[in-house]
Amino acid sequence: MLRQSKLSGFHIPSAPDWLIVTLFADDTTVYLSEYDHFSDLSAILDTWCVASGARFNVSKTEIIPIGTTRYRSAVITSR
């Protein structure tokens, strides 16, 4: 669902593809670009939870902005 979405992900200059998601055990890390919207990700996760019967624990969600100081401050302020 994430790879077919309109989310851009995170660009690593030396990598050929954009990074969107990594999975390890029961942890999922989603990478969003400055043009992606958390609301789009939330809609995808809601759909996945309904289909799988799983629950997404929002209280364990962490947002770690990467970029300029100005961008990081804007993300933290809008969270």
N, C-alpha and C. Protein backbone atom coordinates (compact mmCIF):
# COMPACT_ATOMS: atom_id res chain seq x y z
N MET A 1 0.82 -1.20 0.00
CA MET A 1 0.00 0.00 0.00
C MET A 1 0.87 1.26 0.00
N LEU A 2 1.93 1.26 0.79
CA LEU A 2 2.77 2.45 0.86
C LEU A 2 3.51 2.70 -0.45
N ARG A 3 4.03 1.64 -1.04
CA ARG A 3 4.79 1.81 -2.28
C ARG A 3 3.92 2.24 -3.46
N GLN A 4 2.64 1.90 -3.42
CA GLN A 4 1.73 2.31 -4.50
C GLN A 4 1.04 3.63 -4.19
N SER A 5 1.34 4.23 -3.06
CA SER A 5 0.68 5.48 -2.67
C SER A 5 1.34 6.67 -3.37
N LYS A 6 0.82 7.85 -3.10
CA LYS A 6 1.41 9.06 -3.67
C LYS A 6 2.51 9.64 -2.78
N LEU A 7 2.87 8.93 -1.71
CA LEU A 7 3.95 9.38 -0.83
C LEU A 7 5.28 9.29 -1.58
N SER A 8 6.11 10.31 -1.43
CA SER A 8 7.40 10.35 -2.13
C SER A 8 8.48 9.57 -1.41
N GLY A 9 8.52 9.68 -0.10
CA GLY A 9 9.57 9.05 0.67
C GLY A 9 10.77 9.96 0.82
N PHE A 10 11.89 9.37 1.15
CA PHE A 10 13.11 10.10 1.48
C PHE A 10 14.18 9.74 0.46
N HIS A 11 14.83 10.76 -0.08
CA HIS A 11 15.86 10.53 -1.10
C HIS A 11 17.24 10.47 -0.46
N ILE A 12 17.95 9.40 -0.74
CA ILE A 12 19.35 9.27 -0.33
C ILE A 12 20.16 9.44 -1.60
N PRO A 13 20.99 10.49 -1.67
CA PRO A 13 21.68 10.82 -2.92
C PRO A 13 22.39 9.66 -3.61
N SER A 14 23.00 8.75 -2.87
CA SER A 14 23.75 7.66 -3.51
C SER A 14 22.87 6.45 -3.86
N ALA A 15 21.60 6.49 -3.49
CA ALA A 15 20.71 5.35 -3.76
C ALA A 15 19.87 5.60 -5.01
N PRO A 16 19.58 4.56 -5.78
CA PRO A 16 18.81 4.74 -7.01
C PRO A 16 17.32 4.99 -6.76
N ASP A 17 16.80 4.50 -5.63
CA ASP A 17 15.37 4.64 -5.34
C ASP A 17 15.16 5.49 -4.09
N TRP A 18 13.95 5.97 -3.94
CA TRP A 18 13.57 6.72 -2.75
C TRP A 18 13.18 5.73 -1.66
N LEU A 19 13.55 6.03 -0.43
CA LEU A 19 13.23 5.17 0.70
C LEU A 19 11.86 5.56 1.24
N ILE A 20 10.94 4.61 1.32
CA ILE A 20 9.59 4.89 1.82
C ILE A 20 9.35 4.18 3.14
N VAL A 21 9.75 2.91 3.24
CA VAL A 21 9.44 2.16 4.46
C VAL A 21 10.51 1.12 4.74
N THR A 22 10.80 0.90 6.03
CA THR A 22 11.61 -0.22 6.47
C THR A 22 10.84 -0.94 7.57
N LEU A 23 11.03 -2.26 7.62
CA LEU A 23 10.32 -3.09 8.60
C LEU A 23 11.34 -3.92 9.36
N PHE A 24 11.14 -4.05 10.67
CA PHE A 24 11.97 -4.91 11.49
C PHE A 24 11.11 -5.43 12.64
N ALA A 25 10.93 -6.75 12.69
CA ALA A 25 10.06 -7.38 13.70
C ALA A 25 8.70 -6.70 13.68
N ASP A 26 8.30 -6.08 14.79
CA ASP A 26 6.99 -5.42 14.80
C ASP A 26 7.12 -3.90 14.70
N ASP A 27 8.27 -3.42 14.27
CA ASP A 27 8.49 -1.98 14.10
C ASP A 27 8.46 -1.61 12.63
N THR A 28 7.80 -0.53 12.34
CA THR A 28 7.72 0.01 10.99
C THR A 28 8.22 1.44 11.01
N THR A 29 9.11 1.77 10.10
CA THR A 29 9.58 3.14 9.96
C THR A 29 9.17 3.62 8.58
N VAL A 30 8.46 4.74 8.54
CA VAL A 30 8.02 5.32 7.28
C VAL A 30 8.76 6.64 7.10
N TYR A 31 9.29 6.84 5.92
CA TYR A 31 10.06 8.03 5.60
C TYR A 31 9.22 8.93 4.69
N LEU A 32 9.03 10.16 5.11
CA LEU A 32 8.23 11.11 4.34
C LEU A 32 9.10 12.27 3.88
N SER A 33 8.85 12.74 2.68
CA SER A 33 9.55 13.93 2.20
C SER A 33 8.84 15.17 2.73
N GLU A 34 9.44 16.31 2.50
CA GLU A 34 8.81 17.56 2.93
C GLU A 34 7.50 17.81 2.19
N TYR A 35 7.28 17.12 1.09
CA TYR A 35 6.06 17.31 0.31
C TYR A 35 4.96 16.31 0.69
N ASP A 36 5.32 15.29 1.46
CA ASP A 36 4.34 14.30 1.91
C ASP A 36 3.54 14.86 3.08
N HIS A 37 2.36 14.31 3.28
CA HIS A 37 1.49 14.75 4.37
C HIS A 37 1.21 13.58 5.30
N PHE A 38 1.33 13.84 6.60
CA PHE A 38 1.08 12.80 7.59
C PHE A 38 -0.36 12.29 7.48
N SER A 39 -1.29 13.16 7.09
CA SER A 39 -2.69 12.73 6.95
C SER A 39 -2.83 11.66 5.86
N ASP A 40 -2.04 11.73 4.79
CA ASP A 40 -2.06 10.69 3.75
C ASP A 40 -1.56 9.36 4.32
N LEU A 41 -0.49 9.43 5.10
CA LEU A 41 0.03 8.22 5.74
C LEU A 41 -1.00 7.65 6.71
N SER A 42 -1.65 8.50 7.49
CA SER A 42 -2.66 8.03 8.44
C SER A 42 -3.80 7.30 7.74
N ALA A 43 -4.22 7.82 6.60
CA ALA A 43 -5.30 7.17 5.84
C ALA A 43 -4.87 5.78 5.37
N ILE A 44 -3.64 5.66 4.91
CA ILE A 44 -3.12 4.36 4.47
C ILE A 44 -3.06 3.39 5.65
N LEU A 45 -2.57 3.86 6.78
CA LEU A 45 -2.47 3.00 7.96
C LEU A 45 -3.84 2.58 8.47
N ASP A 46 -4.81 3.50 8.42
CA ASP A 46 -6.18 3.16 8.84
C ASP A 46 -6.75 2.05 7.96
N THR A 47 -6.55 2.16 6.66
CA THR A 47 -7.03 1.14 5.72
C THR A 47 -6.36 -0.20 6.00
N TRP A 48 -5.06 -0.17 6.23
CA TRP A 48 -4.33 -1.40 6.52
C TRP A 48 -4.82 -2.04 7.81
N CYS A 49 -5.07 -1.24 8.84
CA CYS A 49 -5.56 -1.77 10.12
C CYS A 49 -6.92 -2.43 9.96
N VAL A 50 -7.81 -1.83 9.19
CA VAL A 50 -9.13 -2.42 8.96
C VAL A 50 -8.98 -3.75 8.23
N ALA A 51 -8.14 -3.78 7.21
CA ALA A 51 -7.97 -5.00 6.41
C ALA A 51 -7.29 -6.12 7.19
N SER A 52 -6.35 -5.77 8.05
CA SER A 52 -5.57 -6.80 8.75
C SER A 52 -6.08 -7.12 10.15
N GLY A 53 -6.93 -6.26 10.68
CA GLY A 53 -7.39 -6.45 12.05
C GLY A 53 -6.37 -5.98 13.08
N ALA A 54 -5.32 -5.34 12.62
CA ALA A 54 -4.28 -4.84 13.52
C ALA A 54 -4.67 -3.47 14.06
N ARG A 55 -3.93 -3.04 15.06
CA ARG A 55 -4.13 -1.70 15.61
C ARG A 55 -2.81 -0.94 15.53
N PHE A 56 -2.91 0.33 15.24
CA PHE A 56 -1.74 1.19 15.15
C PHE A 56 -1.67 2.02 16.42
N ASN A 57 -0.57 1.95 17.14
CA ASN A 57 -0.42 2.65 18.41
C ASN A 57 0.14 4.05 18.18
N VAL A 58 -0.74 5.02 18.09
CA VAL A 58 -0.32 6.40 17.81
C VAL A 58 0.54 6.96 18.94
N SER A 59 0.30 6.51 20.17
CA SER A 59 1.08 7.04 21.30
C SER A 59 2.56 6.66 21.21
N LYS A 60 2.89 5.65 20.43
CA LYS A 60 4.29 5.25 20.24
C LYS A 60 4.91 5.88 19.00
N THR A 61 4.16 6.72 18.32
CA THR A 61 4.64 7.34 17.10
C THR A 61 5.68 8.42 17.42
N GLU A 62 6.77 8.39 16.69
CA GLU A 62 7.80 9.42 16.82
C GLU A 62 8.03 10.03 15.45
N ILE A 63 8.17 11.34 15.44
CA ILE A 63 8.50 12.05 14.20
C ILE A 63 9.87 12.66 14.38
N ILE A 64 10.78 12.31 13.49
CA ILE A 64 12.14 12.83 13.54
C ILE A 64 12.40 13.57 12.24
N PRO A 65 12.26 14.89 12.26
CA PRO A 65 12.48 15.65 11.02
C PRO A 65 13.96 15.72 10.66
N ILE A 66 14.23 15.62 9.38
CA ILE A 66 15.60 15.71 8.86
C ILE A 66 15.61 16.82 7.82
N GLY A 67 16.57 17.70 7.92
CA GLY A 67 16.66 18.79 6.96
C GLY A 67 17.23 20.03 7.63
N THR A 68 16.92 21.16 7.06
CA THR A 68 17.43 22.42 7.60
C THR A 68 16.82 22.70 8.98
N THR A 69 17.45 23.57 9.72
CA THR A 69 16.94 23.95 11.04
C THR A 69 15.55 24.54 10.91
N ARG A 70 15.34 25.35 9.90
CA ARG A 70 14.03 25.97 9.68
C ARG A 70 12.95 24.91 9.42
N TYR A 71 13.26 23.95 8.57
CA TYR A 71 12.31 22.88 8.26
C TYR A 71 12.01 22.05 9.50
N ARG A 72 13.04 21.65 10.24
CA ARG A 72 12.83 20.85 11.45
C ARG A 72 11.96 21.59 12.45
N SER A 73 12.20 22.88 12.62
CA SER A 73 11.38 23.68 13.54
C SER A 73 9.93 23.74 13.09
N ALA A 74 9.71 23.87 11.80
CA ALA A 74 8.34 23.93 11.26
C ALA A 74 7.61 22.61 11.50
N VAL A 75 8.30 21.49 11.32
CA VAL A 75 7.67 20.18 11.53
C VAL A 75 7.33 20.00 13.00
N ILE A 76 8.24 20.34 13.87
CA ILE A 76 8.01 20.19 15.31
C ILE A 76 6.87 21.08 15.77
N THR A 77 6.81 22.30 15.27
CA THR A 77 5.75 23.24 15.64
C THR A 77 4.39 22.76 15.18
N SER A 78 4.33 22.16 13.99
CA SER A 78 3.04 21.75 13.43
C SER A 78 2.59 20.38 13.95
N ARG A 79 3.43 19.67 14.64
CA ARG A 79 3.08 18.33 15.16
C ARG A 79 2.08 18.51 16.22
